[in-house]
Amino acid sequence: MYAKEITLNEKLDIAKTSENLDELKTLVDCESMLVRRAIARNKNIDEEIANLLAFDPVLNVSYMASNNPNCTQKRDFSNYSLIGCVVCDKDERELNCVECQNKKIY
């Protein structure tokens, strides 16, 4: 699988449902925060992927990875304002952040 040759929706499907760690590792560096966030929420990721994503620069990704049961490097998020977008539990394949009624403007 070549990550650059597949659509965003295909990447999201793989990130969300795949049990193949090699497949998931090819998407860990994806530029799309949604793909990385979906991987972070995937219960099939291993400790290595979970710990890597726990320190992703995007809070939406790192927060979800830190809450994955396979993550062993927990982060303290008490210094952050965890807005609705960060803790949102909607499926990344169905997110429409622009029109979200729960989005708060800060």
N, C-alpha and C. Protein backbone atom coordinates (compact mmCIF):
# COMPACT_ATOMS: atom_id res chain seq x y z
N MET A 1 0.85 -1.18 0.00
CA MET A 1 0.00 0.00 0.00
C MET A 1 0.89 1.24 0.00
N TYR A 2 0.61 2.15 -0.87
CA TYR A 2 1.32 3.42 -0.93
C TYR A 2 0.38 4.50 -0.45
N ALA A 3 0.68 5.06 0.71
CA ALA A 3 -0.22 6.01 1.37
C ALA A 3 -0.55 7.22 0.51
N LYS A 4 0.36 7.62 -0.36
CA LYS A 4 0.11 8.80 -1.19
C LYS A 4 -0.86 8.50 -2.34
N GLU A 5 -1.09 7.23 -2.63
CA GLU A 5 -1.91 6.86 -3.76
C GLU A 5 -3.36 6.56 -3.40
N ILE A 6 -3.70 6.66 -2.14
CA ILE A 6 -5.08 6.37 -1.74
C ILE A 6 -5.76 7.64 -1.23
N THR A 7 -7.07 7.64 -1.29
CA THR A 7 -7.84 8.83 -0.91
C THR A 7 -7.86 9.00 0.61
N LEU A 8 -8.26 10.18 1.04
CA LEU A 8 -8.39 10.45 2.47
C LEU A 8 -9.39 9.49 3.10
N ASN A 9 -10.50 9.25 2.45
CA ASN A 9 -11.50 8.33 3.01
C ASN A 9 -10.96 6.92 3.15
N GLU A 10 -10.16 6.49 2.18
CA GLU A 10 -9.55 5.16 2.28
C GLU A 10 -8.55 5.11 3.43
N LYS A 11 -7.78 6.18 3.59
CA LYS A 11 -6.84 6.25 4.71
C LYS A 11 -7.58 6.20 6.04
N LEU A 12 -8.68 6.92 6.12
CA LEU A 12 -9.47 6.93 7.36
C LEU A 12 -10.05 5.56 7.67
N ASP A 13 -10.51 4.85 6.65
CA ASP A 13 -11.03 3.49 6.86
C ASP A 13 -9.93 2.57 7.40
N ILE A 14 -8.76 2.66 6.81
CA ILE A 14 -7.64 1.84 7.27
C ILE A 14 -7.26 2.23 8.69
N ALA A 15 -7.11 3.52 8.94
CA ALA A 15 -6.70 4.01 10.25
C ALA A 15 -7.67 3.59 11.34
N LYS A 16 -8.93 3.57 11.01
CA LYS A 16 -9.98 3.28 12.00
C LYS A 16 -10.14 1.78 12.26
N THR A 17 -9.98 0.95 11.22
CA THR A 17 -10.38 -0.45 11.36
C THR A 17 -9.27 -1.48 11.19
N SER A 18 -8.12 -1.09 10.67
CA SER A 18 -7.08 -2.07 10.36
C SER A 18 -6.51 -2.71 11.63
N GLU A 19 -6.15 -3.97 11.49
CA GLU A 19 -5.44 -4.69 12.54
C GLU A 19 -3.99 -4.93 12.13
N ASN A 20 -3.64 -4.49 10.92
CA ASN A 20 -2.31 -4.70 10.36
C ASN A 20 -1.39 -3.56 10.80
N LEU A 21 -0.46 -3.86 11.69
CA LEU A 21 0.42 -2.82 12.24
C LEU A 21 1.31 -2.18 11.17
N ASP A 22 1.77 -2.97 10.21
CA ASP A 22 2.60 -2.40 9.15
C ASP A 22 1.81 -1.38 8.33
N GLU A 23 0.57 -1.71 8.08
CA GLU A 23 -0.32 -0.81 7.33
C GLU A 23 -0.54 0.49 8.13
N LEU A 24 -0.79 0.34 9.42
CA LEU A 24 -1.02 1.51 10.27
C LEU A 24 0.24 2.37 10.40
N LYS A 25 1.40 1.73 10.47
CA LYS A 25 2.66 2.48 10.59
C LYS A 25 2.93 3.33 9.36
N THR A 26 2.45 2.91 8.20
CA THR A 26 2.65 3.72 7.00
C THR A 26 1.84 5.01 7.05
N LEU A 27 0.80 5.03 7.88
CA LEU A 27 -0.07 6.20 7.96
C LEU A 27 0.22 7.10 9.16
N VAL A 28 1.09 6.67 10.06
CA VAL A 28 1.37 7.44 11.28
C VAL A 28 1.89 8.84 10.97
N ASP A 29 2.61 8.99 9.88
CA ASP A 29 3.16 10.30 9.51
C ASP A 29 2.29 11.05 8.52
N CYS A 30 1.07 10.60 8.34
CA CYS A 30 0.15 11.24 7.40
C CYS A 30 -0.06 12.70 7.81
N GLU A 31 -0.11 13.58 6.82
CA GLU A 31 -0.29 15.01 7.13
C GLU A 31 -1.67 15.31 7.69
N SER A 32 -2.63 14.44 7.46
CA SER A 32 -3.99 14.66 7.95
C SER A 32 -4.11 14.33 9.43
N MET A 33 -4.49 15.33 10.21
CA MET A 33 -4.71 15.12 11.64
C MET A 33 -5.81 14.09 11.86
N LEU A 34 -6.80 14.06 10.99
CA LEU A 34 -7.91 13.12 11.15
C LEU A 34 -7.43 11.68 11.03
N VAL A 35 -6.51 11.42 10.12
CA VAL A 35 -5.98 10.06 9.95
C VAL A 35 -5.18 9.67 11.18
N ARG A 36 -4.31 10.54 11.64
CA ARG A 36 -3.51 10.23 12.84
C ARG A 36 -4.41 10.06 14.06
N ARG A 37 -5.45 10.86 14.16
CA ARG A 37 -6.40 10.76 15.28
C ARG A 37 -7.15 9.43 15.23
N ALA A 38 -7.54 9.00 14.03
CA ALA A 38 -8.23 7.72 13.88
C ALA A 38 -7.31 6.57 14.27
N ILE A 39 -6.03 6.66 13.90
CA ILE A 39 -5.07 5.64 14.32
C ILE A 39 -4.95 5.64 15.84
N ALA A 40 -4.86 6.81 16.43
CA ALA A 40 -4.72 6.92 17.89
C ALA A 40 -5.88 6.27 18.62
N ARG A 41 -7.05 6.28 18.02
CA ARG A 41 -8.24 5.70 18.66
C ARG A 41 -8.41 4.21 18.34
N ASN A 42 -7.63 3.69 17.40
CA ASN A 42 -7.74 2.29 16.99
C ASN A 42 -7.18 1.40 18.11
N LYS A 43 -8.00 0.52 18.63
CA LYS A 43 -7.59 -0.36 19.73
C LYS A 43 -6.58 -1.42 19.30
N ASN A 44 -6.35 -1.54 17.99
CA ASN A 44 -5.41 -2.54 17.48
C ASN A 44 -3.98 -2.04 17.37
N ILE A 45 -3.74 -0.76 17.66
CA ILE A 45 -2.37 -0.26 17.57
C ILE A 45 -1.55 -0.83 18.72
N ASP A 46 -0.26 -0.88 18.50
CA ASP A 46 0.61 -1.38 19.56
C ASP A 46 1.14 -0.23 20.42
N GLU A 47 1.91 -0.59 21.41
CA GLU A 47 2.47 0.39 22.34
C GLU A 47 3.34 1.42 21.62
N GLU A 48 4.13 0.97 20.65
CA GLU A 48 5.03 1.88 19.92
C GLU A 48 4.25 2.98 19.21
N ILE A 49 3.20 2.61 18.49
CA ILE A 49 2.40 3.59 17.76
C ILE A 49 1.67 4.51 18.75
N ALA A 50 1.09 3.92 19.78
CA ALA A 50 0.34 4.71 20.76
C ALA A 50 1.24 5.73 21.44
N ASN A 51 2.42 5.31 21.85
CA ASN A 51 3.35 6.21 22.53
C ASN A 51 3.87 7.31 21.60
N LEU A 52 4.09 6.97 20.35
CA LEU A 52 4.52 7.97 19.38
C LEU A 52 3.44 9.04 19.19
N LEU A 53 2.20 8.60 19.00
CA LEU A 53 1.10 9.54 18.78
C LEU A 53 0.72 10.31 20.04
N ALA A 54 1.08 9.80 21.20
CA ALA A 54 0.80 10.51 22.46
C ALA A 54 1.55 11.84 22.53
N PHE A 55 2.57 11.98 21.70
CA PHE A 55 3.34 13.22 21.68
C PHE A 55 3.25 13.91 20.32
N ASP A 56 2.18 13.62 19.61
CA ASP A 56 1.89 14.31 18.35
C ASP A 56 1.71 15.79 18.65
N PRO A 57 2.16 16.69 17.77
CA PRO A 57 2.01 18.12 18.04
C PRO A 57 0.57 18.62 18.04
N VAL A 58 -0.34 17.82 17.51
CA VAL A 58 -1.75 18.22 17.47
C VAL A 58 -2.46 17.60 18.68
N LEU A 59 -3.00 18.44 19.53
CA LEU A 59 -3.63 18.00 20.77
C LEU A 59 -4.76 17.01 20.51
N ASN A 60 -5.50 17.17 19.43
CA ASN A 60 -6.59 16.25 19.11
C ASN A 60 -6.08 14.82 18.94
N VAL A 61 -4.86 14.68 18.45
CA VAL A 61 -4.25 13.36 18.24
C VAL A 61 -3.64 12.85 19.54
N SER A 62 -2.81 13.67 20.16
CA SER A 62 -2.09 13.22 21.36
C SER A 62 -3.03 12.86 22.51
N TYR A 63 -4.12 13.60 22.65
CA TYR A 63 -5.08 13.30 23.72
C TYR A 63 -5.70 11.93 23.50
N MET A 64 -6.13 11.65 22.27
CA MET A 64 -6.74 10.36 21.97
C MET A 64 -5.74 9.22 22.14
N ALA A 65 -4.50 9.42 21.70
CA ALA A 65 -3.49 8.38 21.84
C ALA A 65 -3.21 8.10 23.31
N SER A 66 -3.16 9.13 24.12
CA SER A 66 -2.91 8.96 25.55
C SER A 66 -4.01 8.17 26.24
N ASN A 67 -5.19 8.22 25.68
CA ASN A 67 -6.32 7.47 26.24
C ASN A 67 -6.48 6.08 25.64
N ASN A 68 -5.63 5.73 24.69
CA ASN A 68 -5.66 4.39 24.11
C ASN A 68 -5.09 3.42 25.15
N PRO A 69 -5.74 2.28 25.38
CA PRO A 69 -5.26 1.34 26.40
C PRO A 69 -3.85 0.81 26.15
N ASN A 70 -3.35 0.91 24.93
CA ASN A 70 -2.01 0.43 24.61
C ASN A 70 -0.92 1.47 24.85
N CYS A 71 -1.31 2.67 25.22
CA CYS A 71 -0.34 3.74 25.47
C CYS A 71 0.23 3.60 26.88
N THR A 72 1.55 3.55 26.97
CA THR A 72 2.20 3.42 28.28
C THR A 72 2.88 4.72 28.73
N GLN A 73 2.99 5.68 27.83
CA GLN A 73 3.60 6.97 28.18
C GLN A 73 2.49 8.01 28.31
N LYS A 74 1.90 8.04 29.47
CA LYS A 74 0.78 8.95 29.71
C LYS A 74 1.25 10.39 29.80
N ARG A 75 0.42 11.28 29.32
CA ARG A 75 0.70 12.72 29.39
C ARG A 75 -0.27 13.39 30.33
N ASP A 76 0.18 14.47 30.90
CA ASP A 76 -0.67 15.28 31.77
C ASP A 76 -1.25 16.41 30.93
N PHE A 77 -2.55 16.40 30.77
CA PHE A 77 -3.22 17.42 29.96
C PHE A 77 -3.89 18.49 30.83
N SER A 78 -3.55 18.52 32.11
CA SER A 78 -4.21 19.46 33.02
C SER A 78 -3.89 20.92 32.71
N ASN A 79 -2.80 21.17 32.01
CA ASN A 79 -2.44 22.55 31.66
C ASN A 79 -3.08 23.02 30.37
N TYR A 80 -3.86 22.16 29.75
CA TYR A 80 -4.49 22.49 28.48
C TYR A 80 -5.99 22.70 28.66
N SER A 81 -6.54 23.54 27.84
CA SER A 81 -7.99 23.71 27.80
C SER A 81 -8.50 22.71 26.77
N LEU A 82 -9.09 21.63 27.24
CA LEU A 82 -9.54 20.58 26.34
C LEU A 82 -10.93 20.92 25.81
N ILE A 83 -10.94 21.67 24.72
CA ILE A 83 -12.19 22.09 24.10
C ILE A 83 -12.89 20.89 23.49
N GLY A 84 -14.14 21.07 23.13
CA GLY A 84 -14.96 19.98 22.60
C GLY A 84 -14.33 19.24 21.44
N CYS A 85 -13.60 19.94 20.60
CA CYS A 85 -12.97 19.29 19.43
C CYS A 85 -11.93 18.26 19.85
N VAL A 86 -11.21 18.51 20.92
CA VAL A 86 -10.16 17.60 21.36
C VAL A 86 -10.75 16.31 21.90
N VAL A 87 -11.81 16.39 22.65
CA VAL A 87 -12.39 15.21 23.28
C VAL A 87 -13.56 14.62 22.49
N CYS A 88 -13.83 15.16 21.33
CA CYS A 88 -14.93 14.70 20.48
C CYS A 88 -14.80 13.20 20.20
N ASP A 89 -15.90 12.48 20.35
CA ASP A 89 -15.85 11.03 20.12
C ASP A 89 -16.50 10.61 18.81
N LYS A 90 -16.75 11.56 17.92
CA LYS A 90 -17.35 11.22 16.63
C LYS A 90 -16.34 10.49 15.76
N ASP A 91 -16.85 9.61 14.91
CA ASP A 91 -16.03 8.88 13.96
C ASP A 91 -15.37 9.88 13.00
N GLU A 92 -14.07 9.78 12.86
CA GLU A 92 -13.33 10.72 12.01
C GLU A 92 -13.80 10.69 10.56
N ARG A 93 -14.36 9.58 10.14
CA ARG A 93 -14.85 9.46 8.76
C ARG A 93 -16.11 10.27 8.54
N GLU A 94 -16.75 10.69 9.61
CA GLU A 94 -18.01 11.42 9.51
C GLU A 94 -17.93 12.84 10.07
N LEU A 95 -16.74 13.27 10.45
CA LEU A 95 -16.59 14.60 11.03
C LEU A 95 -16.80 15.69 10.00
N ASN A 96 -17.51 16.71 10.43
CA ASN A 96 -17.64 17.93 9.64
C ASN A 96 -17.46 19.07 10.64
N CYS A 97 -16.22 19.35 10.94
CA CYS A 97 -15.90 20.32 11.99
C CYS A 97 -16.40 21.72 11.67
N VAL A 98 -16.48 22.05 10.41
CA VAL A 98 -16.92 23.39 10.01
C VAL A 98 -18.36 23.64 10.44
N GLU A 99 -19.20 22.62 10.32
CA GLU A 99 -20.62 22.78 10.64
C GLU A 99 -21.01 22.18 11.99
N CYS A 100 -20.04 21.80 12.79
CA CYS A 100 -20.32 21.16 14.08
C CYS A 100 -21.03 22.12 15.03
N GLN A 101 -22.12 21.66 15.61
CA GLN A 101 -22.88 22.47 16.56
C GLN A 101 -22.21 22.51 17.93
N ASN A 102 -21.32 21.56 18.20
CA ASN A 102 -20.65 21.51 19.50
C ASN A 102 -19.36 22.31 19.54
N LYS A 103 -18.94 22.80 18.39
CA LYS A 103 -17.69 23.55 18.32
C LYS A 103 -17.86 24.89 19.04
N LYS A 104 -16.89 25.18 19.85
CA LYS A 104 -16.91 26.45 20.58
C LYS A 104 -15.86 27.36 19.98
N ILE A 105 -16.16 28.62 19.93
CA ILE A 105 -15.21 29.60 19.42
C ILE A 105 -14.52 30.26 20.61
N TYR A 106 -13.20 30.24 20.58
CA TYR A 106 -12.41 30.83 21.67
C TYR A 106 -11.64 32.01 21.15
